[in-house]
Amino acid sequence: MTYQSRKSALVLGLTLLMGGLTACGAPQEKSPVEEAAVAASAPAVTATTASAAPSPSPSSTPVVEKRTVQVRKSIPFATRTVDDPSEPEGTKSVRVTGAKGVRTLTYEITLTDGVETGRKLVTSVVTKKPVTKVIAVGTKTTSDCDPNYSGQCVPIASDVDCGGGSGNGPAYVYGTVKVIGEDIYDLDRDGDGYGCE
């Protein structure tokens, strides 16, 4: 029998012997031989000394943060003029009331230690279209009045005389008129450009 076999047999015998003593109520104390046998069969443990990790130093790296913000800007409305032949010439009226629009701008903002250090436009979207203001200008001329005169309505007739005068009509004009074309009714007798003064 080899030395190793004898050693293992010895350890086995001591273990059985101690187990029997324990069963009989004997104290569970290990003999020097048993302790030596257990120590011989136990794997060797190598002690190592763990070195403490160095404590981290305070960080001096700046804190960089990115945020998304939206900014709304108004869009001015345009004004458009249209002719209205149903209204008297020179009159004006608002057909459509103008309204401003809204443009929404989305930015990506870079903050370094809480201070804005960069801004980048991401999107630009018209979220509300402006409404164009429409003004109607009347272009209708009064067909009952002769276009050769202004200031008063000179009727279109076979003959027109100044009201309150000696003329016999059949049509009359009351008040001073300005000749802006041809004095077809001979209302400006003195040729100063005005009739029925």
C-alpha atoms as a PDB file:
ATOM      1  CA  MET A   1       0.000   0.000   0.000  1.00  0.00           C
ATOM      2  CA  THR A   2       1.333   3.427  -0.889  1.00  0.00           C
ATOM      3  CA  TYR A   3       1.746   6.264   1.504  1.00  0.00           C
ATOM      4  CA  GLN A   4      -1.213   8.150  -0.001  1.00  0.00           C
ATOM      5  CA  SER A   5      -3.515   5.100   0.287  1.00  0.00           C
ATOM      6  CA  ARG A   6      -2.557   4.559   3.907  1.00  0.00           C
ATOM      7  CA  LYS A   7      -3.162   8.227   4.643  1.00  0.00           C
ATOM      8  CA  SER A   8      -6.649   8.112   3.107  1.00  0.00           C
ATOM      9  CA  ALA A   9      -7.495   4.903   5.016  1.00  0.00           C
ATOM     10  CA  LEU A  10      -6.345   6.503   8.247  1.00  0.00           C
ATOM     11  CA  VAL A  11      -8.540   9.562   7.646  1.00  0.00           C
ATOM     12  CA  LEU A  12     -11.515   7.329   6.865  1.00  0.00           C
ATOM     13  CA  GLY A  13     -11.017   5.271   9.992  1.00  0.00           C
ATOM     14  CA  LEU A  14     -10.777   8.312  12.219  1.00  0.00           C
ATOM     15  CA  THR A  15     -13.924   9.763  10.657  1.00  0.00           C
ATOM     16  CA  LEU A  16     -15.895   6.563  11.318  1.00  0.00           C
ATOM     17  CA  LEU A  17     -14.543   6.373  14.854  1.00  0.00           C
ATOM     18  CA  MET A  18     -15.583   9.973  15.635  1.00  0.00           C
ATOM     19  CA  GLY A  19     -18.986   9.379  14.084  1.00  0.00           C
ATOM     20  CA  GLY A  20     -19.526   6.442  16.401  1.00  0.00           C
ATOM     21  CA  LEU A  21     -18.480   8.440  19.432  1.00  0.00           C
ATOM     22  CA  THR A  22     -20.891  11.218  18.493  1.00  0.00           C
ATOM     23  CA  ALA A  23     -23.712   8.739  18.206  1.00  0.00           C
ATOM     24  CA  CYS A  24     -22.932   7.454  21.712  1.00  0.00           C
ATOM     25  CA  GLY A  25     -23.133  10.959  23.198  1.00  0.00           C
ATOM     26  CA  ALA A  26     -19.377  11.549  23.473  1.00  0.00           C
ATOM     27  CA  PRO A  27     -18.177  15.126  23.191  1.00  0.00           C
ATOM     28  CA  GLN A  28     -17.487  16.208  19.628  1.00  0.00           C
ATOM     29  CA  GLU A  29     -13.926  17.226  20.125  1.00  0.00           C
ATOM     30  CA  LYS A  30     -11.405  16.519  17.435  1.00  0.00           C
ATOM     31  CA  SER A  31      -8.211  14.679  18.373  1.00  0.00           C
ATOM     32  CA  PRO A  32      -4.842  15.992  17.233  1.00  0.00           C
ATOM     33  CA  VAL A  33      -4.635  13.096  14.758  1.00  0.00           C
ATOM     34  CA  GLU A  34      -8.072  13.950  13.296  1.00  0.00           C
ATOM     35  CA  GLU A  35      -7.264  17.621  13.035  1.00  0.00           C
ATOM     36  CA  ALA A  36      -4.002  16.733  11.308  1.00  0.00           C
ATOM     37  CA  ALA A  37      -5.816  14.407   8.907  1.00  0.00           C
ATOM     38  CA  VAL A  38      -8.467  17.021   8.086  1.00  0.00           C
ATOM     39  CA  ALA A  39      -5.813  19.658   7.619  1.00  0.00           C
ATOM     40  CA  ALA A  40      -3.836  17.313   5.325  1.00  0.00           C
ATOM     41  CA  SER A  41      -6.905  16.574   3.180  1.00  0.00           C
ATOM     42  CA  ALA A  42      -8.168  20.180   3.037  1.00  0.00           C
ATOM     43  CA  PRO A  43      -7.210  22.189  -0.023  1.00  0.00           C
ATOM     44  CA  ALA A  44      -4.548  24.793   0.498  1.00  0.00           C
ATOM     45  CA  VAL A  45      -5.767  28.380   0.690  1.00  0.00           C
ATOM     46  CA  THR A  46      -3.444  31.124  -0.398  1.00  0.00           C
ATOM     47  CA  ALA A  47      -3.949  34.392   1.466  1.00  0.00           C
ATOM     48  CA  THR A  48      -3.992  37.509  -0.670  1.00  0.00           C
ATOM     49  CA  THR A  49      -3.899  41.093   0.419  1.00  0.00           C
ATOM     50  CA  ALA A  50      -6.465  43.280  -1.396  1.00  0.00           C
ATOM     51  CA  SER A  51      -5.256  46.741  -2.076  1.00  0.00           C
ATOM     52  CA  ALA A  52      -7.816  49.490  -1.546  1.00  0.00           C
ATOM     53  CA  ALA A  53      -9.037  51.191  -4.739  1.00  0.00           C
ATOM     54  CA  PRO A  54      -8.064  54.834  -4.989  1.00  0.00           C
ATOM     55  CA  SER A  55     -10.904  57.181  -4.139  1.00  0.00           C
ATOM     56  CA  PRO A  56     -12.214  59.075  -7.154  1.00  0.00           C
ATOM     57  CA  SER A  57     -11.177  62.668  -7.370  1.00  0.00           C
ATOM     58  CA  PRO A  58     -13.869  65.352  -7.812  1.00  0.00           C
ATOM     59  CA  SER A  59     -14.970  65.541 -11.494  1.00  0.00           C
ATOM     60  CA  SER A  60     -14.213  68.728 -13.384  1.00  0.00           C
ATOM     61  CA  THR A  61     -16.042  67.652 -16.581  1.00  0.00           C
ATOM     62  CA  PRO A  62     -18.753  70.188 -17.586  1.00  0.00           C
ATOM     63  CA  VAL A  63     -22.367  68.981 -17.611  1.00  0.00           C
ATOM     64  CA  VAL A  64     -23.774  69.205 -21.163  1.00  0.00           C
ATOM     65  CA  GLU A  65     -27.546  68.955 -21.637  1.00  0.00           C
ATOM     66  CA  LYS A  66     -29.756  69.222 -24.721  1.00  0.00           C
ATOM     67  CA  ARG A  67     -33.341  70.482 -24.710  1.00  0.00           C
ATOM     68  CA  THR A  68     -36.034  71.130 -27.314  1.00  0.00           C
ATOM     69  CA  VAL A  69     -37.984  74.402 -27.159  1.00  0.00           C
ATOM     70  CA  GLN A  70     -40.674  75.932 -29.355  1.00  0.00           C
ATOM     71  CA  VAL A  71     -41.000  79.616 -30.260  1.00  0.00           C
ATOM     72  CA  ARG A  72     -44.112  81.104 -31.912  1.00  0.00           C
ATOM     73  CA  LYS A  73     -43.850  84.107 -34.213  1.00  0.00           C
ATOM     74  CA  SER A  74     -46.662  86.058 -35.849  1.00  0.00           C
ATOM     75  CA  ILE A  75     -46.959  86.310 -39.625  1.00  0.00           C
ATOM     76  CA  PRO A  76     -48.307  89.639 -40.928  1.00  0.00           C
ATOM     77  CA  PHE A  77     -51.273  89.522 -43.283  1.00  0.00           C
ATOM     78  CA  ALA A  78     -51.322  91.002 -46.783  1.00  0.00           C
ATOM     79  CA  THR A  79     -53.866  93.464 -48.202  1.00  0.00           C
ATOM     80  CA  ARG A  80     -55.516  93.032 -51.586  1.00  0.00           C
ATOM     81  CA  THR A  81     -57.731  95.478 -53.483  1.00  0.00           C
ATOM     82  CA  VAL A  82     -60.482  94.333 -55.836  1.00  0.00           C
ATOM     83  CA  ASP A  83     -62.862  96.242 -58.093  1.00  0.00           C
ATOM     84  CA  ASP A  84     -66.548  96.159 -57.262  1.00  0.00           C
ATOM     85  CA  PRO A  85     -68.717  97.260 -60.205  1.00  0.00           C
ATOM     86  CA  SER A  86     -71.832  97.030 -58.042  1.00  0.00           C
ATOM     87  CA  GLU A  87     -70.718  99.901 -55.771  1.00  0.00           C
ATOM     88  CA  PRO A  88     -70.487 103.589 -56.744  1.00  0.00           C
ATOM     89  CA  GLU A  89     -67.153 104.688 -58.148  1.00  0.00           C
ATOM     90  CA  GLY A  90     -64.583 105.708 -55.511  1.00  0.00           C
ATOM     91  CA  THR A  91     -66.261 104.031 -52.547  1.00  0.00           C
ATOM     92  CA  LYS A  92     -64.338 101.487 -50.456  1.00  0.00           C
ATOM     93  CA  SER A  93     -65.474  98.666 -48.225  1.00  0.00           C
ATOM     94  CA  VAL A  94     -63.715  95.832 -46.393  1.00  0.00           C
ATOM     95  CA  ARG A  95     -64.782  92.503 -47.799  1.00  0.00           C
ATOM     96  CA  VAL A  96     -62.511  90.301 -45.649  1.00  0.00           C
ATOM     97  CA  THR A  97     -60.927  91.328 -42.372  1.00  0.00           C
ATOM     98  CA  GLY A  98     -57.232  90.461 -42.265  1.00  0.00           C
ATOM     99  CA  ALA A  99     -55.774  88.226 -39.536  1.00  0.00           C
ATOM    100  CA  LYS A 100     -52.194  87.442 -38.582  1.00  0.00           C
ATOM    101  CA  GLY A 101     -50.836  83.928 -38.902  1.00  0.00           C
ATOM    102  CA  VAL A 102     -48.525  81.947 -36.600  1.00  0.00           C
ATOM    103  CA  ARG A 103     -45.230  80.235 -37.380  1.00  0.00           C
ATOM    104  CA  THR A 104     -43.880  77.687 -34.862  1.00  0.00           C
ATOM    105  CA  LEU A 105     -40.100  77.314 -34.707  1.00  0.00           C
ATOM    106  CA  THR A 106     -38.555  74.284 -32.966  1.00  0.00           C
ATOM    107  CA  TYR A 107     -34.993  74.667 -31.657  1.00  0.00           C
ATOM    108  CA  GLU A 108     -32.538  72.209 -30.115  1.00  0.00           C
ATOM    109  CA  ILE A 109     -30.719  74.083 -27.350  1.00  0.00           C
ATOM    110  CA  THR A 110     -27.399  72.997 -25.859  1.00  0.00           C
ATOM    111  CA  LEU A 111     -26.820  73.903 -22.191  1.00  0.00           C
ATOM    112  CA  THR A 112     -23.382  73.700 -20.606  1.00  0.00           C
ATOM    113  CA  ASP A 113     -23.543  73.823 -16.813  1.00  0.00           C
ATOM    114  CA  GLY A 114     -27.009  75.354 -17.141  1.00  0.00           C
ATOM    115  CA  VAL A 115     -25.943  78.111 -19.572  1.00  0.00           C
ATOM    116  CA  GLU A 116     -27.126  78.118 -23.195  1.00  0.00           C
ATOM    117  CA  THR A 117     -24.119  77.591 -25.474  1.00  0.00           C
ATOM    118  CA  GLY A 118     -25.795  76.540 -28.712  1.00  0.00           C
ATOM    119  CA  ARG A 119     -29.070  76.796 -30.613  1.00  0.00           C
ATOM    120  CA  LYS A 120     -30.027  74.878 -33.755  1.00  0.00           C
ATOM    121  CA  LEU A 121     -33.243  75.323 -35.768  1.00  0.00           C
ATOM    122  CA  VAL A 122     -34.874  71.917 -36.254  1.00  0.00           C
ATOM    123  CA  THR A 123     -38.235  72.746 -37.883  1.00  0.00           C
ATOM    124  CA  SER A 124     -40.180  75.807 -39.040  1.00  0.00           C
ATOM    125  CA  VAL A 125     -43.894  75.177 -39.568  1.00  0.00           C
ATOM    126  CA  VAL A 126     -46.808  77.538 -40.311  1.00  0.00           C
ATOM    127  CA  THR A 127     -49.340  76.428 -37.699  1.00  0.00           C
ATOM    128  CA  LYS A 128     -51.872  79.135 -38.587  1.00  0.00           C
ATOM    129  CA  LYS A 129     -52.082  80.720 -42.018  1.00  0.00           C
ATOM    130  CA  PRO A 130     -52.583  84.499 -42.226  1.00  0.00           C
ATOM    131  CA  VAL A 131     -55.842  85.780 -43.704  1.00  0.00           C
ATOM    132  CA  THR A 132     -55.478  88.357 -46.490  1.00  0.00           C
ATOM    133  CA  LYS A 133     -57.425  91.567 -46.011  1.00  0.00           C
ATOM    134  CA  VAL A 134     -59.638  92.312 -49.034  1.00  0.00           C
ATOM    135  CA  ILE A 135     -60.800  95.853 -49.819  1.00  0.00           C
ATOM    136  CA  ALA A 136     -63.417  96.414 -52.518  1.00  0.00           C
ATOM    137  CA  VAL A 137     -63.287  99.643 -54.508  1.00  0.00           C
ATOM    138  CA  GLY A 138     -66.444 100.693 -56.278  1.00  0.00           C
ATOM    139  CA  THR A 139     -66.208 101.237 -60.043  1.00  0.00           C
ATOM    140  CA  LYS A 140     -69.843 101.729 -60.962  1.00  0.00           C
ATOM    141  CA  THR A 141     -70.608 104.930 -62.807  1.00  0.00           C
ATOM    142  CA  THR A 142     -74.052 106.456 -62.490  1.00  0.00           C
ATOM    143  CA  SER A 143     -75.642 105.944 -65.854  1.00  0.00           C
ATOM    144  CA  ASP A 144     -78.290 108.609 -65.146  1.00  0.00           C
ATOM    145  CA  CYS A 145     -75.679 111.367 -64.972  1.00  0.00           C
ATOM    146  CA  ASP A 146     -73.745 112.808 -67.913  1.00  0.00           C
ATOM    147  CA  PRO A 147     -70.001 112.017 -67.578  1.00  0.00           C
ATOM    148  CA  ASN A 148     -69.059 115.413 -69.091  1.00  0.00           C
ATOM    149  CA  TYR A 149     -69.918 117.139 -65.808  1.00  0.00           C
ATOM    150  CA  SER A 150     -69.043 116.706 -62.134  1.00  0.00           C
ATOM    151  CA  GLY A 151     -70.131 118.257 -58.850  1.00  0.00           C
ATOM    152  CA  GLN A 152     -73.806 117.755 -59.541  1.00  0.00           C
ATOM    153  CA  CYS A 153     -75.640 115.077 -61.475  1.00  0.00           C
ATOM    154  CA  VAL A 154     -76.408 116.445 -64.910  1.00  0.00           C
ATOM    155  CA  PRO A 155     -79.218 114.276 -66.296  1.00  0.00           C
ATOM    156  CA  ILE A 156     -78.838 112.641 -69.688  1.00  0.00           C
ATOM    157  CA  ALA A 157     -81.609 114.146 -71.767  1.00  0.00           C
ATOM    158  CA  SER A 158     -82.303 115.847 -75.069  1.00  0.00           C
ATOM    159  CA  ASP A 159     -81.593 119.172 -73.353  1.00  0.00           C
ATOM    160  CA  VAL A 160     -80.625 120.240 -69.837  1.00  0.00           C
ATOM    161  CA  ASP A 161     -80.963 123.735 -68.432  1.00  0.00           C
ATOM    162  CA  CYS A 162     -79.921 125.295 -65.139  1.00  0.00           C
ATOM    163  CA  GLY A 163     -82.701 125.032 -62.590  1.00  0.00           C
ATOM    164  CA  GLY A 164     -84.326 128.387 -61.776  1.00  0.00           C
ATOM    165  CA  GLY A 165     -83.220 129.911 -65.078  1.00  0.00           C
ATOM    166  CA  SER A 166     -85.087 130.762 -68.223  1.00  0.00           C
ATOM    167  CA  GLY A 167     -84.449 127.470 -69.961  1.00  0.00           C
ATOM    168  CA  ASN A 168     -87.333 125.254 -70.892  1.00  0.00           C
ATOM    169  CA  GLY A 169     -85.774 121.846 -70.233  1.00  0.00           C
ATOM    170  CA  PRO A 170     -87.016 119.209 -70.404  1.00  0.00           C
ATOM    171  CA  ALA A 171     -84.332 118.378 -67.764  1.00  0.00           C
ATOM    172  CA  TYR A 172     -82.728 120.648 -65.198  1.00  0.00           C
ATOM    173  CA  VAL A 173     -79.611 120.677 -63.016  1.00  0.00           C
ATOM    174  CA  TYR A 174     -79.530 122.495 -59.686  1.00  0.00           C
ATOM    175  CA  GLY A 175     -76.266 123.856 -58.357  1.00  0.00           C
ATOM    176  CA  THR A 176     -72.886 124.623 -59.868  1.00  0.00           C
ATOM    177  CA  VAL A 177     -71.352 121.963 -62.107  1.00  0.00           C
ATOM    178  CA  LYS A 178     -67.822 121.642 -63.428  1.00  0.00           C
ATOM    179  CA  VAL A 179     -67.282 120.911 -67.061  1.00  0.00           C
ATOM    180  CA  ILE A 180     -64.810 118.010 -67.303  1.00  0.00           C
ATOM    181  CA  GLY A 181     -65.572 117.027 -70.894  1.00  0.00           C
ATOM    182  CA  GLU A 182     -67.649 118.650 -73.617  1.00  0.00           C
ATOM    183  CA  ASP A 183     -70.252 121.197 -72.571  1.00  0.00           C
ATOM    184  CA  ILE A 184     -72.951 119.572 -74.687  1.00  0.00           C
ATOM    185  CA  TYR A 185     -75.789 121.386 -72.876  1.00  0.00           C
ATOM    186  CA  ASP A 186     -74.132 124.830 -73.046  1.00  0.00           C
ATOM    187  CA  LEU A 187     -74.284 125.268 -69.290  1.00  0.00           C
ATOM    188  CA  ASP A 188     -70.977 127.193 -69.107  1.00  0.00           C
ATOM    189  CA  ARG A 189     -72.065 130.366 -70.872  1.00  0.00           C
ATOM    190  CA  ASP A 190     -69.053 132.462 -69.794  1.00  0.00           C
ATOM    191  CA  GLY A 191     -66.487 129.724 -70.539  1.00  0.00           C
ATOM    192  CA  ASP A 192     -64.829 129.660 -67.112  1.00  0.00           C
ATOM    193  CA  GLY A 193     -65.214 125.870 -66.773  1.00  0.00           C
ATOM    194  CA  TYR A 194     -68.230 126.052 -64.486  1.00  0.00           C
ATOM    195  CA  GLY A 195     -71.919 126.051 -65.311  1.00  0.00           C
ATOM    196  CA  CYS A 196     -75.107 127.143 -63.559  1.00  0.00           C
ATOM    197  CA  GLU A 197     -73.192 129.483 -61.243  1.00  0.00           C
END
